[in-house]
Amino acid sequence: MNRYLLSSALAALATAAPTALQAQQLPAAVIAVVNRDQIASTCTQCVVATGQLRAQGTALEARENQLGTPLRAEGQAIQALVNAIPQGGQPDAALTTRIQTFQTNSQAAERELTAAQQTIRRNQQHVVNQIIERMNPLIQQVTRERGANVAVDMASTLAINPALDVTPAVLALMNQNAAPFSVVAPPPPQQPAAAQPAAPQPNRPRPQGR
């Protein structure tokens, strides 16, 4: 009986297999091509955000000059004084203090500029993320409307038929959205403070037996 049932099941599977394989066949690819770099650099709000990021970079350069110019002058003046010390001599107390102050100011300026550079990089990535989040759904929408089922970035192609290019349609939809992009990224998450080791407990004397 079991052998008969197994044979019947195999026969039914063999009969159904062509239908199952046919159902798994994929449709023919209909490709749309989009130039995301062009959209990200030319859409109205993209241009506005790029200009604001450029202004941040210009302000950083100005601050770098503001901090660096007096530090360079002070460093040259200190070096001249050090060079004037007779061979085998040491800087006096006033010059030593001046050198220490110069080093402290240089380190503070470096920390400030490094933090500002990191902030600008976060702002740039923040804008890129917003552009992508706004653009990708529009690419999908235009791809469906044009009857395509695959969207390919133009940067990944060698040559295309211009009829496949949906960049102008996506760009037009991007420009319909007048909401500006934020050019100030959220602050980075705070790192959890390291747990302080527990203070050692003093050893209590054991009671002596009688």
C-alpha atoms as a PDB file:
ATOM      1  CA  MET A   1       0.000   0.000   0.000  1.00  0.00           C
ATOM      2  CA  ASN A   2       2.794   2.440   0.956  1.00  0.00           C
ATOM      3  CA  ARG A   3       4.690   1.661  -2.227  1.00  0.00           C
ATOM      4  CA  TYR A   4       1.560   2.376  -4.283  1.00  0.00           C
ATOM      5  CA  LEU A   5       1.000   5.716  -2.539  1.00  0.00           C
ATOM      6  CA  LEU A   6       4.639   6.751  -3.077  1.00  0.00           C
ATOM      7  CA  SER A   7       4.464   5.878  -6.774  1.00  0.00           C
ATOM      8  CA  SER A   8       1.277   7.897  -7.145  1.00  0.00           C
ATOM      9  CA  ALA A   9       2.854  10.890  -5.392  1.00  0.00           C
ATOM     10  CA  LEU A  10       5.941  10.788  -7.626  1.00  0.00           C
ATOM     11  CA  ALA A  11       3.765  10.598 -10.693  1.00  0.00           C
ATOM     12  CA  ALA A  12       1.728  13.576  -9.577  1.00  0.00           C
ATOM     13  CA  LEU A  13       4.915  15.561  -8.888  1.00  0.00           C
ATOM     14  CA  ALA A  14       6.310  14.733 -12.298  1.00  0.00           C
ATOM     15  CA  THR A  15       3.079  15.918 -13.897  1.00  0.00           C
ATOM     16  CA  ALA A  16       3.055  19.164 -11.922  1.00  0.00           C
ATOM     17  CA  ALA A  17       6.766  19.986 -12.351  1.00  0.00           C
ATOM     18  CA  PRO A  18       6.529  21.643 -15.802  1.00  0.00           C
ATOM     19  CA  THR A  19       3.771  23.927 -14.507  1.00  0.00           C
ATOM     20  CA  ALA A  20       5.816  24.892 -11.416  1.00  0.00           C
ATOM     21  CA  LEU A  21       8.907  25.612 -13.481  1.00  0.00           C
ATOM     22  CA  GLN A  22       6.905  27.694 -15.893  1.00  0.00           C
ATOM     23  CA  ALA A  23       5.468  29.755 -13.011  1.00  0.00           C
ATOM     24  CA  GLN A  24       8.991  30.540 -11.783  1.00  0.00           C
ATOM     25  CA  GLN A  25      10.148  32.070 -15.052  1.00  0.00           C
ATOM     26  CA  LEU A  26      11.086  35.735 -14.718  1.00  0.00           C
ATOM     27  CA  PRO A  27       9.739  38.415 -17.051  1.00  0.00           C
ATOM     28  CA  ALA A  28      12.019  39.936 -19.631  1.00  0.00           C
ATOM     29  CA  ALA A  29      14.054  42.854 -18.276  1.00  0.00           C
ATOM     30  CA  VAL A  30      12.878  46.314 -19.301  1.00  0.00           C
ATOM     31  CA  ILE A  31      15.584  48.749 -18.271  1.00  0.00           C
ATOM     32  CA  ALA A  32      15.447  52.414 -17.360  1.00  0.00           C
ATOM     33  CA  VAL A  33      18.651  54.402 -16.895  1.00  0.00           C
ATOM     34  CA  VAL A  34      19.009  57.329 -14.493  1.00  0.00           C
ATOM     35  CA  ASN A  35      21.888  59.690 -13.823  1.00  0.00           C
ATOM     36  CA  ARG A  36      21.732  60.103 -10.064  1.00  0.00           C
ATOM     37  CA  ASP A  37      24.857  62.270  -9.922  1.00  0.00           C
ATOM     38  CA  GLN A  38      23.297  64.755 -12.323  1.00  0.00           C
ATOM     39  CA  ILE A  39      20.107  64.910 -10.291  1.00  0.00           C
ATOM     40  CA  ALA A  40      21.968  65.305  -6.983  1.00  0.00           C
ATOM     41  CA  SER A  41      24.013  68.184  -8.368  1.00  0.00           C
ATOM     42  CA  THR A  42      21.328  70.062 -10.301  1.00  0.00           C
ATOM     43  CA  CYS A  43      18.001  69.705  -8.491  1.00  0.00           C
ATOM     44  CA  THR A  44      16.841  73.010  -7.021  1.00  0.00           C
ATOM     45  CA  GLN A  45      17.105  72.110  -3.346  1.00  0.00           C
ATOM     46  CA  CYS A  46      20.299  70.151  -4.008  1.00  0.00           C
ATOM     47  CA  VAL A  47      21.944  73.304  -5.377  1.00  0.00           C
ATOM     48  CA  VAL A  48      20.753  75.308  -2.367  1.00  0.00           C
ATOM     49  CA  ALA A  49      22.137  72.754   0.081  1.00  0.00           C
ATOM     50  CA  THR A  50      25.425  72.537  -1.817  1.00  0.00           C
ATOM     51  CA  GLY A  51      25.806  76.298  -1.581  1.00  0.00           C
ATOM     52  CA  GLN A  52      25.192  76.225   2.157  1.00  0.00           C
ATOM     53  CA  LEU A  53      27.753  73.460   2.617  1.00  0.00           C
ATOM     54  CA  ARG A  54      30.234  75.458   0.559  1.00  0.00           C
ATOM     55  CA  ALA A  55      29.637  78.438   2.854  1.00  0.00           C
ATOM     56  CA  GLN A  56      30.435  76.229   5.848  1.00  0.00           C
ATOM     57  CA  GLY A  57      33.712  75.259   4.209  1.00  0.00           C
ATOM     58  CA  THR A  58      34.549  78.890   3.495  1.00  0.00           C
ATOM     59  CA  ALA A  59      33.859  79.820   7.109  1.00  0.00           C
ATOM     60  CA  LEU A  60      36.144  77.019   8.251  1.00  0.00           C
ATOM     61  CA  GLU A  61      38.939  78.283   6.013  1.00  0.00           C
ATOM     62  CA  ALA A  62      38.506  81.777   7.423  1.00  0.00           C
ATOM     63  CA  ARG A  63      38.660  80.439  10.977  1.00  0.00           C
ATOM     64  CA  GLU A  64      41.748  78.421  10.106  1.00  0.00           C
ATOM     65  CA  ASN A  65      43.476  81.591   8.878  1.00  0.00           C
ATOM     66  CA  GLN A  66      42.279  83.511  11.923  1.00  0.00           C
ATOM     67  CA  LEU A  67      43.859  80.958  14.237  1.00  0.00           C
ATOM     68  CA  GLY A  68      46.873  80.086  12.140  1.00  0.00           C
ATOM     69  CA  THR A  69      48.208  83.538  11.253  1.00  0.00           C
ATOM     70  CA  PRO A  70      49.052  84.684  14.801  1.00  0.00           C
ATOM     71  CA  LEU A  71      50.279  81.204  15.716  1.00  0.00           C
ATOM     72  CA  ARG A  72      52.686  81.159  12.793  1.00  0.00           C
ATOM     73  CA  ALA A  73      53.959  84.621  13.713  1.00  0.00           C
ATOM     74  CA  GLU A  74      54.387  83.625  17.351  1.00  0.00           C
ATOM     75  CA  GLY A  75      56.159  80.410  16.382  1.00  0.00           C
ATOM     76  CA  GLN A  76      58.625  82.319  14.195  1.00  0.00           C
ATOM     77  CA  ALA A  77      59.284  84.846  16.971  1.00  0.00           C
ATOM     78  CA  ILE A  78      59.889  82.093  19.510  1.00  0.00           C
ATOM     79  CA  GLN A  79      62.201  80.266  17.129  1.00  0.00           C
ATOM     80  CA  ALA A  80      64.263  83.439  16.651  1.00  0.00           C
ATOM     81  CA  LEU A  81      64.626  83.803  20.415  1.00  0.00           C
ATOM     82  CA  VAL A  82      65.617  80.162  20.794  1.00  0.00           C
ATOM     83  CA  ASN A  83      68.211  80.534  18.032  1.00  0.00           C
ATOM     84  CA  ALA A  84      69.683  83.521  19.874  1.00  0.00           C
ATOM     85  CA  ILE A  85      70.383  81.509  23.017  1.00  0.00           C
ATOM     86  CA  PRO A  86      74.128  80.911  23.373  1.00  0.00           C
ATOM     87  CA  GLN A  87      75.283  77.383  22.730  1.00  0.00           C
ATOM     88  CA  GLY A  88      74.690  75.263  25.781  1.00  0.00           C
ATOM     89  CA  GLY A  89      72.269  77.758  27.277  1.00  0.00           C
ATOM     90  CA  GLN A  90      68.663  77.225  28.229  1.00  0.00           C
ATOM     91  CA  PRO A  91      65.563  79.398  27.736  1.00  0.00           C
ATOM     92  CA  ASP A  92      64.878  81.670  30.657  1.00  0.00           C
ATOM     93  CA  ALA A  93      61.653  81.426  32.656  1.00  0.00           C
ATOM     94  CA  ALA A  94      59.820  84.005  30.532  1.00  0.00           C
ATOM     95  CA  LEU A  95      60.696  82.265  27.261  1.00  0.00           C
ATOM     96  CA  THR A  96      59.832  78.866  28.725  1.00  0.00           C
ATOM     97  CA  THR A  97      56.402  80.144  29.711  1.00  0.00           C
ATOM     98  CA  ARG A  98      55.953  81.672  26.271  1.00  0.00           C
ATOM     99  CA  ILE A  99      56.814  78.355  24.617  1.00  0.00           C
ATOM    100  CA  GLN A 100      54.357  76.484  26.823  1.00  0.00           C
ATOM    101  CA  THR A 101      51.612  78.988  26.070  1.00  0.00           C
ATOM    102  CA  PHE A 102      52.296  78.668  22.352  1.00  0.00           C
ATOM    103  CA  GLN A 103      52.054  74.874  22.522  1.00  0.00           C
ATOM    104  CA  THR A 104      48.799  75.064  24.496  1.00  0.00           C
ATOM    105  CA  ASN A 105      47.259  77.494  21.988  1.00  0.00           C
ATOM    106  CA  SER A 106      48.421  75.397  19.031  1.00  0.00           C
ATOM    107  CA  GLN A 107      46.859  72.254  20.478  1.00  0.00           C
ATOM    108  CA  ALA A 108      43.592  74.069  21.218  1.00  0.00           C
ATOM    109  CA  ALA A 109      43.450  75.429  17.661  1.00  0.00           C
ATOM    110  CA  GLU A 110      44.086  71.971  16.217  1.00  0.00           C
ATOM    111  CA  ARG A 111      41.305  70.457  18.334  1.00  0.00           C
ATOM    112  CA  GLU A 112      38.867  73.165  17.278  1.00  0.00           C
ATOM    113  CA  LEU A 113      39.645  72.840  13.567  1.00  0.00           C
ATOM    114  CA  THR A 114      39.527  69.046  13.666  1.00  0.00           C
ATOM    115  CA  ALA A 115      36.109  69.122  15.332  1.00  0.00           C
ATOM    116  CA  ALA A 116      34.858  71.649  12.766  1.00  0.00           C
ATOM    117  CA  GLN A 117      36.084  69.491   9.870  1.00  0.00           C
ATOM    118  CA  GLN A 118      34.331  66.454  11.308  1.00  0.00           C
ATOM    119  CA  THR A 119      31.119  68.453  11.689  1.00  0.00           C
ATOM    120  CA  ILE A 120      31.222  69.561   8.050  1.00  0.00           C
ATOM    121  CA  ARG A 121      31.811  65.985   6.889  1.00  0.00           C
ATOM    122  CA  ARG A 122      28.797  64.839   8.911  1.00  0.00           C
ATOM    123  CA  ASN A 123      26.738  67.651   7.404  1.00  0.00           C
ATOM    124  CA  GLN A 124      27.791  66.643   3.886  1.00  0.00           C
ATOM    125  CA  GLN A 125      26.850  63.009   4.468  1.00  0.00           C
ATOM    126  CA  HIS A 126      23.577  64.129   6.045  1.00  0.00           C
ATOM    127  CA  VAL A 127      22.662  66.036   2.874  1.00  0.00           C
ATOM    128  CA  VAL A 128      23.639  63.092   0.657  1.00  0.00           C
ATOM    129  CA  ASN A 129      21.442  60.761   2.704  1.00  0.00           C
ATOM    130  CA  GLN A 130      18.460  63.114   2.400  1.00  0.00           C
ATOM    131  CA  ILE A 131      18.883  63.446  -1.360  1.00  0.00           C
ATOM    132  CA  ILE A 132      19.018  59.675  -1.774  1.00  0.00           C
ATOM    133  CA  GLU A 133      15.972  59.172   0.442  1.00  0.00           C
ATOM    134  CA  ARG A 134      14.009  61.657  -1.655  1.00  0.00           C
ATOM    135  CA  MET A 135      15.298  60.473  -5.017  1.00  0.00           C
ATOM    136  CA  ASN A 136      14.990  56.693  -4.782  1.00  0.00           C
ATOM    137  CA  PRO A 137      11.170  56.539  -4.471  1.00  0.00           C
ATOM    138  CA  LEU A 138      10.892  58.876  -7.460  1.00  0.00           C
ATOM    139  CA  ILE A 139      13.160  56.631  -9.504  1.00  0.00           C
ATOM    140  CA  GLN A 140      10.914  53.694  -8.645  1.00  0.00           C
ATOM    141  CA  GLN A 141       7.827  55.702  -9.560  1.00  0.00           C
ATOM    142  CA  VAL A 142       9.160  56.769 -12.958  1.00  0.00           C
ATOM    143  CA  THR A 143      10.446  53.270 -13.638  1.00  0.00           C
ATOM    144  CA  ARG A 144       6.957  51.849 -13.117  1.00  0.00           C
ATOM    145  CA  GLU A 145       5.280  54.608 -15.130  1.00  0.00           C
ATOM    146  CA  ARG A 146       7.579  53.955 -18.098  1.00  0.00           C
ATOM    147  CA  GLY A 147       6.860  50.230 -18.004  1.00  0.00           C
ATOM    148  CA  ALA A 148      10.370  49.294 -16.896  1.00  0.00           C
ATOM    149  CA  ASN A 149      11.161  46.771 -14.198  1.00  0.00           C
ATOM    150  CA  VAL A 150      14.877  47.539 -13.711  1.00  0.00           C
ATOM    151  CA  ALA A 151      16.533  50.890 -12.977  1.00  0.00           C
ATOM    152  CA  VAL A 152      20.263  51.224 -13.579  1.00  0.00           C
ATOM    153  CA  ASP A 153      22.526  54.100 -12.599  1.00  0.00           C
ATOM    154  CA  MET A 154      24.189  55.631 -15.629  1.00  0.00           C
ATOM    155  CA  ALA A 155      27.551  55.441 -13.858  1.00  0.00           C
ATOM    156  CA  SER A 156      27.324  51.642 -14.152  1.00  0.00           C
ATOM    157  CA  THR A 157      26.809  51.623 -17.918  1.00  0.00           C
ATOM    158  CA  LEU A 158      29.204  51.841 -20.851  1.00  0.00           C
ATOM    159  CA  ALA A 159      26.728  52.963 -23.506  1.00  0.00           C
ATOM    160  CA  ILE A 160      22.963  53.438 -23.572  1.00  0.00           C
ATOM    161  CA  ASN A 161      20.158  54.289 -25.921  1.00  0.00           C
ATOM    162  CA  PRO A 162      19.034  57.823 -24.969  1.00  0.00           C
ATOM    163  CA  ALA A 163      15.441  56.580 -25.076  1.00  0.00           C
ATOM    164  CA  LEU A 164      16.141  54.616 -21.889  1.00  0.00           C
ATOM    165  CA  ASP A 165      17.206  57.719 -19.940  1.00  0.00           C
ATOM    166  CA  VAL A 166      14.582  58.763 -17.370  1.00  0.00           C
ATOM    167  CA  THR A 167      16.806  61.353 -15.662  1.00  0.00           C
ATOM    168  CA  PRO A 168      14.769  64.396 -16.818  1.00  0.00           C
ATOM    169  CA  ALA A 169      11.538  62.880 -15.477  1.00  0.00           C
ATOM    170  CA  VAL A 170      13.064  62.115 -12.087  1.00  0.00           C
ATOM    171  CA  LEU A 171      14.685  65.546 -11.938  1.00  0.00           C
ATOM    172  CA  ALA A 172      11.349  67.220 -12.666  1.00  0.00           C
ATOM    173  CA  LEU A 173       9.738  65.350  -9.773  1.00  0.00           C
ATOM    174  CA  MET A 174      12.615  66.285  -7.479  1.00  0.00           C
ATOM    175  CA  ASN A 175      12.119  69.956  -8.334  1.00  0.00           C
ATOM    176  CA  GLN A 176       8.440  69.751  -7.460  1.00  0.00           C
ATOM    177  CA  ASN A 177       9.420  69.249  -3.830  1.00  0.00           C
ATOM    178  CA  ALA A 178      10.352  72.656  -2.406  1.00  0.00           C
ATOM    179  CA  ALA A 179      11.195  71.365   1.068  1.00  0.00           C
ATOM    180  CA  PRO A 180      14.806  72.339   1.813  1.00  0.00           C
ATOM    181  CA  PHE A 181      17.403  69.823   2.870  1.00  0.00           C
ATOM    182  CA  SER A 182      18.854  70.224   6.341  1.00  0.00           C
ATOM    183  CA  VAL A 183      22.551  71.073   6.258  1.00  0.00           C
ATOM    184  CA  VAL A 184      23.089  70.488   9.977  1.00  0.00           C
ATOM    185  CA  ALA A 185      23.501  66.847  10.891  1.00  0.00           C
ATOM    186  CA  PRO A 186      22.287  65.513  14.224  1.00  0.00           C
ATOM    187  CA  PRO A 187      25.052  65.311  16.810  1.00  0.00           C
ATOM    188  CA  PRO A 188      26.848  61.984  16.932  1.00  0.00           C
ATOM    189  CA  PRO A 189      25.653  59.553  19.609  1.00  0.00           C
ATOM    190  CA  GLN A 190      27.389  59.927  22.910  1.00  0.00           C
ATOM    191  CA  GLN A 191      29.753  57.144  23.818  1.00  0.00           C
ATOM    192  CA  PRO A 192      28.759  55.451  27.084  1.00  0.00           C
ATOM    193  CA  ALA A 193      31.038  56.375  29.917  1.00  0.00           C
ATOM    194  CA  ALA A 194      33.408  53.650  30.968  1.00  0.00           C
ATOM    195  CA  ALA A 195      32.352  51.953  34.159  1.00  0.00           C
ATOM    196  CA  GLN A 196      34.491  52.921  37.106  1.00  0.00           C
ATOM    197  CA  PRO A 197      36.107  49.978  38.898  1.00  0.00           C
ATOM    198  CA  ALA A 198      34.612  49.265  42.285  1.00  0.00           C
ATOM    199  CA  ALA A 199      36.643  50.503  45.208  1.00  0.00           C
ATOM    200  CA  PRO A 200      38.320  47.652  47.068  1.00  0.00           C
ATOM    201  CA  GLN A 201      36.690  46.816  50.345  1.00  0.00           C
ATOM    202  CA  PRO A 202      38.973  46.946  53.401  1.00  0.00           C
ATOM    203  CA  ASN A 203      39.699  43.634  54.981  1.00  0.00           C
ATOM    204  CA  ARG A 204      37.840  43.290  58.251  1.00  0.00           C
ATOM    205  CA  PRO A 205      39.690  41.535  61.047  1.00  0.00           C
ATOM    206  CA  ARG A 206      38.282  38.145  61.864  1.00  0.00           C
ATOM    207  CA  PRO A 207      37.208  37.601  65.456  1.00  0.00           C
ATOM    208  CA  GLN A 208      39.689  35.501  67.353  1.00  0.00           C
ATOM    209  CA  GLY A 209      38.399  32.283  68.846  1.00  0.00           C
ATOM    210  CA  ARG A 210      38.439  31.887  72.591  1.00  0.00           C
END
